[in-house]
Amino acid sequence: MKSMWQQILRYFYIGKGDPNAPKTRYVAMMHGMNRLSLLLFIVALVIMIVRLWKRH
């Protein structure tokens, strides 16, 4: 569980990166897509919470 949070922090450049991780173009693109999907997920959660809060 701890490593999952460390990976999420690395996607957002908050956590310290793994020095043994491969530095290929494809890995960088994969991390970029993961970062984008996490951001969109957080935005969708915020929108859902705001709509739920306005409804009541």
N, C-alpha and C. Protein backbone atom coordinates (compact mmCIF):
# COMPACT_ATOMS: atom_id res chain seq x y z
N MET A 1 0.83 -1.20 0.00
CA MET A 1 0.00 0.00 0.00
C MET A 1 0.87 1.25 0.00
N LYS A 2 1.97 1.20 0.74
CA LYS A 2 2.85 2.36 0.82
C LYS A 2 3.45 2.69 -0.55
N SER A 3 3.82 1.68 -1.30
CA SER A 3 4.44 1.93 -2.60
C SER A 3 3.46 2.54 -3.60
N MET A 4 2.16 2.24 -3.46
CA MET A 4 1.17 2.83 -4.34
C MET A 4 1.13 4.34 -4.16
N TRP A 5 1.14 4.81 -2.91
CA TRP A 5 1.12 6.25 -2.66
C TRP A 5 2.41 6.91 -3.11
N GLN A 6 3.53 6.23 -2.95
CA GLN A 6 4.79 6.77 -3.44
C GLN A 6 4.77 6.93 -4.95
N GLN A 7 4.19 5.96 -5.65
CA GLN A 7 4.11 6.05 -7.11
C GLN A 7 3.21 7.20 -7.54
N ILE A 8 2.09 7.40 -6.86
CA ILE A 8 1.20 8.52 -7.19
C ILE A 8 1.92 9.84 -6.98
N LEU A 9 2.66 9.96 -5.88
CA LEU A 9 3.42 11.19 -5.65
C LEU A 9 4.49 11.40 -6.71
N ARG A 10 5.09 10.32 -7.20
CA ARG A 10 6.09 10.44 -8.27
C ARG A 10 5.44 10.91 -9.56
N TYR A 11 4.21 10.48 -9.85
CA TYR A 11 3.53 10.92 -11.06
C TYR A 11 3.34 12.43 -11.05
N PHE A 12 3.08 12.99 -9.89
CA PHE A 12 2.86 14.43 -9.77
C PHE A 12 4.13 15.19 -9.42
N TYR A 13 5.29 14.53 -9.50
CA TYR A 13 6.60 15.12 -9.21
C TYR A 13 6.71 15.61 -7.78
N ILE A 14 5.96 15.04 -6.85
CA ILE A 14 6.03 15.43 -5.44
C ILE A 14 7.02 14.52 -4.71
N GLY A 15 6.94 13.25 -5.01
CA GLY A 15 7.82 12.29 -4.34
C GLY A 15 9.15 12.14 -5.05
N LYS A 16 10.11 11.57 -4.37
CA LYS A 16 11.43 11.34 -4.94
C LYS A 16 11.36 10.20 -5.94
N GLY A 17 11.94 10.38 -7.11
CA GLY A 17 11.91 9.36 -8.15
C GLY A 17 12.81 8.19 -7.84
N ASP A 18 12.52 7.06 -8.48
CA ASP A 18 13.32 5.85 -8.31
C ASP A 18 14.55 5.94 -9.21
N PRO A 19 15.75 5.93 -8.64
CA PRO A 19 16.95 6.04 -9.48
C PRO A 19 17.19 4.82 -10.36
N ASN A 20 16.61 3.68 -10.05
CA ASN A 20 16.78 2.46 -10.85
C ASN A 20 15.73 2.31 -11.94
N ALA A 21 14.78 3.23 -12.01
CA ALA A 21 13.71 3.13 -13.02
C ALA A 21 14.29 3.41 -14.41
N PRO A 22 13.79 2.70 -15.43
CA PRO A 22 14.27 2.96 -16.80
C PRO A 22 13.87 4.35 -17.27
N LYS A 23 14.72 4.97 -18.08
CA LYS A 23 14.49 6.33 -18.54
C LYS A 23 14.22 6.36 -20.04
N THR A 24 13.32 5.54 -20.51
CA THR A 24 13.02 5.50 -21.94
C THR A 24 11.89 6.46 -22.26
N ARG A 25 11.75 6.74 -23.53
CA ARG A 25 10.70 7.64 -24.00
C ARG A 25 9.31 7.06 -23.72
N TYR A 26 9.18 5.77 -23.89
CA TYR A 26 7.89 5.12 -23.71
C TYR A 26 7.45 5.14 -22.25
N VAL A 27 8.39 4.98 -21.34
CA VAL A 27 8.06 5.05 -19.92
C VAL A 27 7.62 6.47 -19.56
N ALA A 28 8.29 7.46 -20.12
CA ALA A 28 7.90 8.86 -19.87
C ALA A 28 6.50 9.13 -20.42
N MET A 29 6.20 8.60 -21.60
CA MET A 29 4.85 8.79 -22.16
C MET A 29 3.81 8.09 -21.30
N MET A 30 4.12 6.90 -20.81
CA MET A 30 3.19 6.16 -19.95
C MET A 30 2.92 6.95 -18.67
N HIS A 31 3.98 7.50 -18.06
CA HIS A 31 3.79 8.27 -16.85
C HIS A 31 2.97 9.53 -17.13
N GLY A 32 3.17 10.14 -18.28
CA GLY A 32 2.38 11.31 -18.65
C GLY A 32 0.90 10.98 -18.79
N MET A 33 0.60 9.86 -19.41
CA MET A 33 -0.80 9.46 -19.55
C MET A 33 -1.41 9.10 -18.21
N ASN A 34 -0.63 8.44 -17.35
CA ASN A 34 -1.13 8.14 -16.01
C ASN A 34 -1.40 9.41 -15.22
N ARG A 35 -0.50 10.38 -15.35
CA ARG A 35 -0.68 11.66 -14.66
C ARG A 35 -1.96 12.35 -15.15
N LEU A 36 -2.17 12.35 -16.45
CA LEU A 36 -3.37 12.97 -17.02
C LEU A 36 -4.63 12.26 -16.54
N SER A 37 -4.63 10.94 -16.51
CA SER A 37 -5.82 10.21 -16.08
C SER A 37 -6.11 10.44 -14.60
N LEU A 38 -5.08 10.53 -13.77
CA LEU A 38 -5.30 10.84 -12.35
C LEU A 38 -5.87 12.24 -12.17
N LEU A 39 -5.36 13.20 -12.92
CA LEU A 39 -5.89 14.56 -12.82
C LEU A 39 -7.35 14.62 -13.26
N LEU A 40 -7.68 13.96 -14.36
CA LEU A 40 -9.07 13.95 -14.82
C LEU A 40 -9.99 13.25 -13.82
N PHE A 41 -9.50 12.20 -13.19
CA PHE A 41 -10.29 11.50 -12.18
C PHE A 41 -10.56 12.42 -10.99
N ILE A 42 -9.55 13.15 -10.54
CA ILE A 42 -9.73 14.07 -9.42
C ILE A 42 -10.70 15.19 -9.79
N VAL A 43 -10.59 15.72 -11.00
CA VAL A 43 -11.52 16.76 -11.45
C VAL A 43 -12.95 16.22 -11.48
N ALA A 44 -13.14 15.00 -11.98
CA ALA A 44 -14.47 14.41 -12.03
C ALA A 44 -15.03 14.21 -10.62
N LEU A 45 -14.20 13.78 -9.67
CA LEU A 45 -14.67 13.63 -8.29
C LEU A 45 -15.09 14.97 -7.70
N VAL A 46 -14.33 16.00 -7.95
CA VAL A 46 -14.68 17.33 -7.44
C VAL A 46 -16.00 17.80 -8.03
N ILE A 47 -16.19 17.60 -9.33
CA ILE A 47 -17.45 18.00 -9.98
C ILE A 47 -18.62 17.22 -9.39
N MET A 48 -18.45 15.93 -9.18
CA MET A 48 -19.54 15.13 -8.61
C MET A 48 -19.87 15.58 -7.19
N ILE A 49 -18.86 15.89 -6.40
CA ILE A 49 -19.10 16.34 -5.03
C ILE A 49 -19.80 17.69 -5.02
N VAL A 50 -19.38 18.60 -5.90
CA VAL A 50 -20.03 19.91 -5.96
C VAL A 50 -21.48 19.77 -6.40
N ARG A 51 -21.76 18.95 -7.39
CA ARG A 51 -23.15 18.75 -7.83
C ARG A 51 -24.00 18.12 -6.73
N LEU A 52 -23.44 17.17 -6.01
CA LEU A 52 -24.16 16.55 -4.91
C LEU A 52 -24.43 17.55 -3.79
N TRP A 53 -23.44 18.39 -3.52
CA TRP A 53 -23.58 19.39 -2.46
C TRP A 53 -24.60 20.46 -2.85
N LYS A 54 -24.67 20.86 -4.12
CA LYS A 54 -25.64 21.87 -4.57
C LYS A 54 -27.06 21.31 -4.57
N ARG A 55 -27.20 20.01 -4.75
CA ARG A 55 -28.51 19.39 -4.81
C ARG A 55 -29.22 19.41 -3.46
N HIS A 56 -28.43 19.37 -2.37
CA HIS A 56 -29.04 19.32 -1.03
C HIS A 56 -29.07 20.65 -0.43
